[in-house]
């Protein structure tokens, strides 16, 4: 995304200026929520205000993350990226989503040089976005290793059976990914930046049968 310096400074300033008053409001809301014998109507209002305040504080943290991530030196280590994706998919499945992970056994140990927590954050965000868009429709995360040039891990998210090979995924890699679509706050821009910091790419897949795909360079 290549945020310029002024943009990074603006986001850092916004996050700094909003964090302190937000924390004060959140503190007073917690006090009100714990007040004895608060009438039901007022309790409902406090609960709604508390949820809204939590959302605002989350956005503040996202602003901070997005402003800092481009220049952040991530501590990286060998990471089995398909294992990580499988774990995120399993977590979503445990929460009731009809989602599966498909990967050839020979590719299971595909390894990248990455920051586990940040990449888990990015994959979780992408899956959350797809769940939001596809509703109750089944979702498949399909993993491939592209070995014809630079070894690359590929993961496509969408309708089961939408892609069957690495070539199906790569032929659309010039399509842009709309990281600014509504409903996800700044989490999609952050996920996009995380992928780029890892020298990867994120793109849209056409039609309704698939949603998006990402690539990350393998260590070997």
C-alpha atoms as a PDB file:
ATOM      1  CA  UNK A   1       0.000   0.000   0.000  1.00  0.00           C
ATOM      2  CA  UNK A   2       3.018   2.275   0.511  1.00  0.00           C
ATOM      3  CA  UNK A   3       1.576   4.851   2.892  1.00  0.00           C
ATOM      4  CA  UNK A   4       3.448   8.134   2.645  1.00  0.00           C
ATOM      5  CA  UNK A   5       5.035   9.690   5.707  1.00  0.00           C
ATOM      6  CA  UNK A   6       2.345  12.342   6.208  1.00  0.00           C
ATOM      7  CA  UNK A   7      -0.381   9.696   6.134  1.00  0.00           C
ATOM      8  CA  UNK A   8       1.447   7.554   8.691  1.00  0.00           C
ATOM      9  CA  UNK A   9       1.944  10.545  10.969  1.00  0.00           C
ATOM     10  CA  UNK A  10      -1.715  11.517  10.672  1.00  0.00           C
ATOM     11  CA  UNK A  11      -2.902   8.026  11.631  1.00  0.00           C
ATOM     12  CA  UNK A  12      -0.466   7.872  14.537  1.00  0.00           C
ATOM     13  CA  UNK A  13      -1.658  11.288  15.739  1.00  0.00           C
ATOM     14  CA  UNK A  14      -5.340  10.306  15.455  1.00  0.00           C
ATOM     15  CA  UNK A  15      -4.723   7.094  17.372  1.00  0.00           C
ATOM     16  CA  UNK A  16      -2.821   8.953  20.097  1.00  0.00           C
ATOM     17  CA  UNK A  17      -5.412  11.730  20.468  1.00  0.00           C
ATOM     18  CA  UNK A  18      -8.386   9.345  20.516  1.00  0.00           C
ATOM     19  CA  UNK A  19      -6.915   6.700  22.832  1.00  0.00           C
ATOM     20  CA  UNK A  20      -6.858   8.755  26.073  1.00  0.00           C
ATOM     21  CA  UNK A  21     -10.412  10.168  25.956  1.00  0.00           C
ATOM     22  CA  UNK A  22     -11.688   6.802  24.760  1.00  0.00           C
ATOM     23  CA  UNK A  23     -10.117   5.083  27.752  1.00  0.00           C
ATOM     24  CA  UNK A  24     -11.740   7.618  30.122  1.00  0.00           C
ATOM     25  CA  UNK A  25     -15.184   7.088  28.584  1.00  0.00           C
ATOM     26  CA  UNK A  26     -14.742   3.307  28.714  1.00  0.00           C
ATOM     27  CA  UNK A  27     -13.800   3.530  32.398  1.00  0.00           C
ATOM     28  CA  UNK A  28     -16.881   5.531  33.341  1.00  0.00           C
ATOM     29  CA  UNK A  29     -19.097   3.180  31.338  1.00  0.00           C
ATOM     30  CA  UNK A  30     -17.689   0.231  33.284  1.00  0.00           C
ATOM     31  CA  UNK A  31     -18.516   2.036  36.513  1.00  0.00           C
ATOM     32  CA  UNK A  32     -22.085   2.694  35.359  1.00  0.00           C
ATOM     33  CA  UNK A  33     -22.493  -0.900  34.205  1.00  0.00           C
ATOM     34  CA  UNK A  34     -21.560  -2.174  37.669  1.00  0.00           C
ATOM     35  CA  UNK A  35     -23.808   0.289  39.502  1.00  0.00           C
ATOM     36  CA  UNK A  36     -26.358  -1.463  41.756  1.00  0.00           C
ATOM     37  CA  UNK A  37     -30.049  -1.428  40.879  1.00  0.00           C
ATOM     38  CA  UNK A  38     -29.616   0.386  37.581  1.00  0.00           C
ATOM     39  CA  UNK A  39     -33.060   0.518  35.902  1.00  0.00           C
ATOM     40  CA  UNK A  40     -33.456  -1.785  32.890  1.00  0.00           C
ATOM     41  CA  UNK A  41     -33.862   1.080  30.412  1.00  0.00           C
ATOM     42  CA  UNK A  42     -30.699   2.808  31.604  1.00  0.00           C
ATOM     43  CA  UNK A  43     -28.838  -0.517  31.732  1.00  0.00           C
ATOM     44  CA  UNK A  44     -29.674  -1.110  28.070  1.00  0.00           C
ATOM     45  CA  UNK A  45     -28.405   2.358  27.157  1.00  0.00           C
ATOM     46  CA  UNK A  46     -25.159   1.776  29.054  1.00  0.00           C
ATOM     47  CA  UNK A  47     -24.691  -1.600  27.365  1.00  0.00           C
ATOM     48  CA  UNK A  48     -25.151  -0.056  23.914  1.00  0.00           C
ATOM     49  CA  UNK A  49     -22.777   2.793  24.733  1.00  0.00           C
ATOM     50  CA  UNK A  50     -20.223   0.298  26.062  1.00  0.00           C
ATOM     51  CA  UNK A  51     -20.328  -1.741  22.843  1.00  0.00           C
ATOM     52  CA  UNK A  52     -19.968   1.402  20.733  1.00  0.00           C
ATOM     53  CA  UNK A  53     -17.048   2.607  22.840  1.00  0.00           C
ATOM     54  CA  UNK A  54     -15.334  -0.785  22.485  1.00  0.00           C
ATOM     55  CA  UNK A  55     -15.758  -0.553  18.700  1.00  0.00           C
ATOM     56  CA  UNK A  56     -14.229   2.937  18.664  1.00  0.00           C
ATOM     57  CA  UNK A  57     -11.259   1.759  20.733  1.00  0.00           C
ATOM     58  CA  UNK A  58     -10.784  -1.140  18.328  1.00  0.00           C
ATOM     59  CA  UNK A  59     -10.669   1.324  15.426  1.00  0.00           C
ATOM     60  CA  UNK A  60      -8.095   3.383  17.333  1.00  0.00           C
ATOM     61  CA  UNK A  61      -5.906   0.289  17.635  1.00  0.00           C
ATOM     62  CA  UNK A  62      -6.391  -0.454  13.936  1.00  0.00           C
ATOM     63  CA  UNK A  63      -5.295   3.085  13.063  1.00  0.00           C
ATOM     64  CA  UNK A  64      -2.169   2.559  15.124  1.00  0.00           C
ATOM     65  CA  UNK A  65      -1.475  -0.821  13.513  1.00  0.00           C
ATOM     66  CA  UNK A  66      -1.976   0.466   9.979  1.00  0.00           C
ATOM     67  CA  UNK A  67       0.200   3.511  10.545  1.00  0.00           C
ATOM     68  CA  UNK A  68       3.064   1.514  12.039  1.00  0.00           C
ATOM     69  CA  UNK A  69       2.968  -1.734  10.098  1.00  0.00           C
ATOM     70  CA  UNK A  70       4.729  -0.543   6.960  1.00  0.00           C
ATOM     71  CA  UNK A  71       7.896   0.352   8.854  1.00  0.00           C
ATOM     72  CA  UNK A  72       7.569  -2.282  11.542  1.00  0.00           C
ATOM     73  CA  UNK A  73      10.385  -4.809  11.734  1.00  0.00           C
ATOM     74  CA  UNK A  74       8.533  -8.086  12.161  1.00  0.00           C
ATOM     75  CA  UNK A  75      10.337 -10.876  13.961  1.00  0.00           C
ATOM     76  CA  UNK A  76      10.094 -13.763  11.517  1.00  0.00           C
ATOM     77  CA  UNK A  77      10.687 -17.486  11.746  1.00  0.00           C
ATOM     78  CA  UNK A  78      10.043 -20.566   9.594  1.00  0.00           C
ATOM     79  CA  UNK A  79       6.277 -21.028   9.497  1.00  0.00           C
ATOM     80  CA  UNK A  80       4.133 -23.812   8.008  1.00  0.00           C
ATOM     81  CA  UNK A  81       1.649 -21.465   6.349  1.00  0.00           C
ATOM     82  CA  UNK A  82      -0.894 -24.127   5.342  1.00  0.00           C
ATOM     83  CA  UNK A  83      -0.966 -25.494   8.887  1.00  0.00           C
ATOM     84  CA  UNK A  84      -1.701 -21.985  10.140  1.00  0.00           C
ATOM     85  CA  UNK A  85      -4.499 -21.573   7.585  1.00  0.00           C
ATOM     86  CA  UNK A  86      -5.956 -24.948   8.546  1.00  0.00           C
ATOM     87  CA  UNK A  87      -6.004 -23.885  12.209  1.00  0.00           C
ATOM     88  CA  UNK A  88      -7.832 -20.637  11.405  1.00  0.00           C
ATOM     89  CA  UNK A  89     -10.349 -22.506   9.256  1.00  0.00           C
ATOM     90  CA  UNK A  90     -10.906 -25.064  12.018  1.00  0.00           C
ATOM     91  CA  UNK A  91     -11.556 -22.267  14.498  1.00  0.00           C
ATOM     92  CA  UNK A  92     -14.173 -20.738  12.179  1.00  0.00           C
ATOM     93  CA  UNK A  93     -15.713 -24.177  11.665  1.00  0.00           C
ATOM     94  CA  UNK A  94     -15.917 -24.713  15.431  1.00  0.00           C
ATOM     95  CA  UNK A  95     -17.865 -21.449  15.614  1.00  0.00           C
ATOM     96  CA  UNK A  96     -20.481 -22.850  13.243  1.00  0.00           C
ATOM     97  CA  UNK A  97     -19.266 -21.749   9.800  1.00  0.00           C
ATOM     98  CA  UNK A  98     -19.526 -24.248   6.941  1.00  0.00           C
ATOM     99  CA  UNK A  99     -15.881 -23.951   5.900  1.00  0.00           C
ATOM    100  CA  UNK A 100     -13.242 -26.512   4.956  1.00  0.00           C
ATOM    101  CA  UNK A 101      -9.533 -26.485   4.195  1.00  0.00           C
ATOM    102  CA  UNK A 102      -8.175 -28.539   1.288  1.00  0.00           C
ATOM    103  CA  UNK A 103      -4.486 -29.192   0.703  1.00  0.00           C
ATOM    104  CA  UNK A 104      -2.478 -32.004  -0.877  1.00  0.00           C
ATOM    105  CA  UNK A 105      -0.604 -33.987   1.744  1.00  0.00           C
ATOM    106  CA  UNK A 106       2.677 -33.414  -0.113  1.00  0.00           C
ATOM    107  CA  UNK A 107       2.258 -29.631   0.331  1.00  0.00           C
ATOM    108  CA  UNK A 108       1.321 -29.624   4.013  1.00  0.00           C
ATOM    109  CA  UNK A 109       4.799 -28.668   5.201  1.00  0.00           C
ATOM    110  CA  UNK A 110       5.198 -25.695   2.826  1.00  0.00           C
ATOM    111  CA  UNK A 111       7.242 -23.175   4.814  1.00  0.00           C
ATOM    112  CA  UNK A 112       7.556 -19.420   4.625  1.00  0.00           C
ATOM    113  CA  UNK A 113       9.622 -16.924   6.583  1.00  0.00           C
ATOM    114  CA  UNK A 114       6.905 -15.144   8.502  1.00  0.00           C
ATOM    115  CA  UNK A 115       5.496 -13.563  11.639  1.00  0.00           C
ATOM    116  CA  UNK A 116       2.963 -16.075  12.945  1.00  0.00           C
ATOM    117  CA  UNK A 117       0.692 -13.734  14.915  1.00  0.00           C
ATOM    118  CA  UNK A 118       0.435 -11.162  12.129  1.00  0.00           C
ATOM    119  CA  UNK A 119      -0.228 -13.738   9.404  1.00  0.00           C
ATOM    120  CA  UNK A 120      -2.815 -15.453  11.592  1.00  0.00           C
ATOM    121  CA  UNK A 121      -4.448 -12.034  11.968  1.00  0.00           C
ATOM    122  CA  UNK A 122      -4.479 -11.526   8.187  1.00  0.00           C
ATOM    123  CA  UNK A 123      -5.908 -14.968   7.354  1.00  0.00           C
ATOM    124  CA  UNK A 124      -8.530 -14.648  10.097  1.00  0.00           C
ATOM    125  CA  UNK A 125      -9.588 -11.273   8.696  1.00  0.00           C
ATOM    126  CA  UNK A 126      -9.906 -12.604   5.150  1.00  0.00           C
ATOM    127  CA  UNK A 127     -12.015 -15.519   6.329  1.00  0.00           C
ATOM    128  CA  UNK A 128     -14.207 -13.206   8.433  1.00  0.00           C
ATOM    129  CA  UNK A 129     -14.745 -11.001   5.379  1.00  0.00           C
ATOM    130  CA  UNK A 130     -15.696 -13.975   3.213  1.00  0.00           C
ATOM    131  CA  UNK A 131     -18.096 -15.281   5.861  1.00  0.00           C
ATOM    132  CA  UNK A 132     -19.703 -11.833   5.971  1.00  0.00           C
ATOM    133  CA  UNK A 133     -20.110 -11.759   2.179  1.00  0.00           C
ATOM    134  CA  UNK A 134     -21.219 -15.341   1.594  1.00  0.00           C
ATOM    135  CA  UNK A 135     -23.493 -15.716   4.612  1.00  0.00           C
ATOM    136  CA  UNK A 136     -24.506 -19.335   5.143  1.00  0.00           C
ATOM    137  CA  UNK A 137     -23.038 -20.549   1.828  1.00  0.00           C
ATOM    138  CA  UNK A 138     -20.249 -23.162   2.109  1.00  0.00           C
ATOM    139  CA  UNK A 139     -16.689 -21.853   1.919  1.00  0.00           C
ATOM    140  CA  UNK A 140     -13.494 -23.611   0.918  1.00  0.00           C
ATOM    141  CA  UNK A 141      -9.902 -22.553   1.519  1.00  0.00           C
ATOM    142  CA  UNK A 142      -7.829 -24.341  -1.137  1.00  0.00           C
ATOM    143  CA  UNK A 143      -4.030 -24.401  -0.859  1.00  0.00           C
ATOM    144  CA  UNK A 144      -1.464 -25.021  -3.585  1.00  0.00           C
ATOM    145  CA  UNK A 145       2.292 -24.781  -4.060  1.00  0.00           C
ATOM    146  CA  UNK A 146       3.466 -23.155  -7.282  1.00  0.00           C
ATOM    147  CA  UNK A 147       6.880 -24.554  -8.224  1.00  0.00           C
ATOM    148  CA  UNK A 148       7.323 -23.540 -11.866  1.00  0.00           C
ATOM    149  CA  UNK A 149       9.230 -20.347 -11.022  1.00  0.00           C
ATOM    150  CA  UNK A 150       9.832 -18.905  -7.559  1.00  0.00           C
ATOM    151  CA  UNK A 151       8.323 -21.378  -5.069  1.00  0.00           C
ATOM    152  CA  UNK A 152       5.109 -19.804  -3.809  1.00  0.00           C
ATOM    153  CA  UNK A 153       2.319 -20.728  -1.417  1.00  0.00           C
ATOM    154  CA  UNK A 154      -1.146 -19.986  -2.821  1.00  0.00           C
ATOM    155  CA  UNK A 155      -4.425 -19.973  -0.894  1.00  0.00           C
ATOM    156  CA  UNK A 156      -7.777 -19.321  -2.586  1.00  0.00           C
ATOM    157  CA  UNK A 157     -10.963 -18.665  -0.631  1.00  0.00           C
ATOM    158  CA  UNK A 158     -14.428 -19.155  -2.066  1.00  0.00           C
ATOM    159  CA  UNK A 159     -17.068 -21.630  -3.103  1.00  0.00           C
ATOM    160  CA  UNK A 160     -16.017 -25.314  -2.865  1.00  0.00           C
ATOM    161  CA  UNK A 161     -14.617 -26.508  -6.177  1.00  0.00           C
ATOM    162  CA  UNK A 162     -14.196 -22.997  -7.584  1.00  0.00           C
ATOM    163  CA  UNK A 163     -10.484 -23.596  -8.225  1.00  0.00           C
ATOM    164  CA  UNK A 164      -8.771 -26.926  -8.826  1.00  0.00           C
ATOM    165  CA  UNK A 165      -5.173 -25.964  -9.592  1.00  0.00           C
ATOM    166  CA  UNK A 166      -2.518 -23.348  -8.969  1.00  0.00           C
ATOM    167  CA  UNK A 167      -3.025 -22.168 -12.552  1.00  0.00           C
ATOM    168  CA  UNK A 168      -6.684 -21.394 -11.791  1.00  0.00           C
ATOM    169  CA  UNK A 169      -5.540 -19.096  -8.991  1.00  0.00           C
ATOM    170  CA  UNK A 170      -2.604 -17.417 -10.752  1.00  0.00           C
ATOM    171  CA  UNK A 171      -4.466 -16.490 -13.934  1.00  0.00           C
ATOM    172  CA  UNK A 172      -6.382 -13.841 -11.976  1.00  0.00           C
ATOM    173  CA  UNK A 173      -3.523 -12.379  -9.950  1.00  0.00           C
ATOM    174  CA  UNK A 174      -3.712  -9.044 -11.775  1.00  0.00           C
ATOM    175  CA  UNK A 175      -7.201  -8.380 -10.435  1.00  0.00           C
ATOM    176  CA  UNK A 176      -7.160  -5.837  -7.565  1.00  0.00           C
ATOM    177  CA  UNK A 177      -8.475  -6.671  -4.111  1.00  0.00           C
ATOM    178  CA  UNK A 178     -10.925  -4.134  -2.669  1.00  0.00           C
ATOM    179  CA  UNK A 179      -9.523  -3.728   0.818  1.00  0.00           C
ATOM    180  CA  UNK A 180     -11.709  -0.691   1.522  1.00  0.00           C
ATOM    181  CA  UNK A 181     -15.139  -2.322   1.250  1.00  0.00           C
ATOM    182  CA  UNK A 182     -17.428  -1.587   4.170  1.00  0.00           C
ATOM    183  CA  UNK A 183     -18.302  -3.577   7.231  1.00  0.00           C
ATOM    184  CA  UNK A 184     -14.780  -4.608   8.255  1.00  0.00           C
ATOM    185  CA  UNK A 185     -13.336  -1.343   9.546  1.00  0.00           C
ATOM    186  CA  UNK A 186      -9.616  -1.130   8.888  1.00  0.00           C
ATOM    187  CA  UNK A 187      -9.000  -4.851   9.316  1.00  0.00           C
ATOM    188  CA  UNK A 188      -8.881  -5.562   5.554  1.00  0.00           C
ATOM    189  CA  UNK A 189      -6.343  -2.794   4.800  1.00  0.00           C
ATOM    190  CA  UNK A 190      -4.265  -4.135   7.694  1.00  0.00           C
ATOM    191  CA  UNK A 191      -4.493  -7.705   6.356  1.00  0.00           C
ATOM    192  CA  UNK A 192      -3.465  -6.476   2.908  1.00  0.00           C
ATOM    193  CA  UNK A 193      -0.489  -4.648   4.388  1.00  0.00           C
ATOM    194  CA  UNK A 194       0.570  -7.705   6.405  1.00  0.00           C
ATOM    195  CA  UNK A 195       0.620  -9.797   3.220  1.00  0.00           C
ATOM    196  CA  UNK A 196       2.635  -7.130   1.390  1.00  0.00           C
ATOM    197  CA  UNK A 197       5.153  -6.811   4.240  1.00  0.00           C
ATOM    198  CA  UNK A 198       5.748 -10.555   3.779  1.00  0.00           C
ATOM    199  CA  UNK A 199       6.450  -9.925   0.052  1.00  0.00           C
ATOM    200  CA  UNK A 200       3.125 -11.526  -0.837  1.00  0.00           C
ATOM    201  CA  UNK A 201       0.120 -10.474  -2.855  1.00  0.00           C
ATOM    202  CA  UNK A 202      -3.641 -10.441  -2.399  1.00  0.00           C
ATOM    203  CA  UNK A 203      -6.151 -10.320  -5.234  1.00  0.00           C
ATOM    204  CA  UNK A 204      -9.801 -10.823  -6.114  1.00  0.00           C
ATOM    205  CA  UNK A 205     -11.179 -13.859  -7.906  1.00  0.00           C
ATOM    206  CA  UNK A 206     -13.897 -13.147 -10.495  1.00  0.00           C
ATOM    207  CA  UNK A 207     -17.524 -14.191 -10.310  1.00  0.00           C
ATOM    208  CA  UNK A 208     -19.463 -15.533  -7.375  1.00  0.00           C
ATOM    209  CA  UNK A 209     -17.736 -18.902  -7.090  1.00  0.00           C
ATOM    210  CA  UNK A 210     -14.537 -17.598  -5.531  1.00  0.00           C
ATOM    211  CA  UNK A 211     -13.743 -14.536  -3.492  1.00  0.00           C
ATOM    212  CA  UNK A 212     -10.011 -13.868  -3.138  1.00  0.00           C
ATOM    213  CA  UNK A 213      -6.574 -15.436  -3.145  1.00  0.00           C
ATOM    214  CA  UNK A 214      -3.202 -14.688  -1.622  1.00  0.00           C
ATOM    215  CA  UNK A 215       0.367 -15.666  -2.385  1.00  0.00           C
ATOM    216  CA  UNK A 216       3.427 -15.811  -0.139  1.00  0.00           C
ATOM    217  CA  UNK A 217       6.974 -16.751  -1.158  1.00  0.00           C
ATOM    218  CA  UNK A 218       8.269 -20.035   0.213  1.00  0.00           C
ATOM    219  CA  UNK A 219      11.660 -20.378   1.812  1.00  0.00           C
ATOM    220  CA  UNK A 220      12.558 -23.245  -0.495  1.00  0.00           C
END
